[in-house]
Amino acid sequence: MKAPMKSNQAEMLNRLYNMKLKQLAQANQQGNSLHCQVLEAEARAIFSAIKSAR
């Protein structure tokens, strides 16, 4: 029972991570460095959660 739950969690985190990377690219393109810093921190936290979920 735990394996499917972990798989679903990892899939959700992967989608969220990809969304953050797209947001980061847009913020970087707009030259919004503060927003980039926040998005980078969020992406790092999500990536850490992905590693923990495996």
Protein backbone atom coordinates (compact mmCIF):
# COMPACT_ATOMS: atom_id res chain seq x y z
CA MET A 1 0.00 0.00 0.00
CA LYS A 2 2.85 2.38 0.72
CA ALA A 3 4.56 1.92 -2.65
CA PRO A 4 1.68 3.40 -4.72
CA MET A 5 1.38 6.29 -2.29
CA LYS A 6 5.10 7.00 -2.56
CA SER A 7 4.88 6.78 -6.34
CA ASN A 8 1.98 9.25 -6.44
CA GLN A 9 3.83 11.59 -4.12
CA ALA A 10 6.97 11.43 -6.27
CA GLU A 11 4.94 12.10 -9.42
CA MET A 12 3.27 15.10 -7.83
CA LEU A 13 6.59 16.47 -6.61
CA ASN A 14 8.12 15.99 -10.06
CA ARG A 15 5.28 17.96 -11.65
CA LEU A 16 5.65 20.69 -9.05
CA TYR A 17 9.42 20.80 -9.58
CA ASN A 18 8.99 21.13 -13.35
CA MET A 19 6.47 23.94 -12.82
CA LYS A 20 8.94 25.77 -10.57
CA LEU A 21 11.68 25.43 -13.20
CA LYS A 22 9.38 26.99 -15.81
CA GLN A 23 8.50 29.81 -13.42
CA LEU A 24 12.18 30.32 -12.69
CA ALA A 25 12.98 30.55 -16.40
CA GLN A 26 10.24 33.17 -16.86
CA ALA A 27 11.41 35.22 -13.87
CA ASN A 28 14.99 35.00 -15.09
CA GLN A 29 13.92 36.18 -18.54
CA GLN A 30 12.13 39.15 -16.95
CA GLY A 31 15.20 40.01 -14.91
CA ASN A 32 13.42 39.68 -11.58
CA SER A 33 16.30 38.54 -9.39
CA LEU A 34 14.40 38.51 -6.09
CA HIS A 35 11.67 36.34 -7.58
CA CYS A 36 14.40 34.08 -9.03
CA GLN A 37 15.93 33.65 -5.58
CA VAL A 38 12.59 32.67 -4.09
CA LEU A 39 11.83 30.23 -6.91
CA GLU A 40 15.30 28.70 -6.65
CA ALA A 41 14.80 28.13 -2.93
CA GLU A 42 11.41 26.54 -3.58
CA ALA A 43 12.88 24.33 -6.32
CA ARG A 44 15.69 23.18 -4.00
CA ALA A 45 13.16 22.31 -1.29
CA ILE A 46 11.02 20.36 -3.76
CA PHE A 47 14.07 18.55 -5.11
CA SER A 48 15.04 17.59 -1.57
CA ALA A 49 11.52 16.24 -1.00
CA ILE A 50 11.78 14.22 -4.22
CA LYS A 51 15.00 12.62 -3.01
CA SER A 52 13.38 11.81 0.33
CA ALA A 53 10.33 10.28 -1.35
CA ARG A 54 12.44 7.72 -3.23
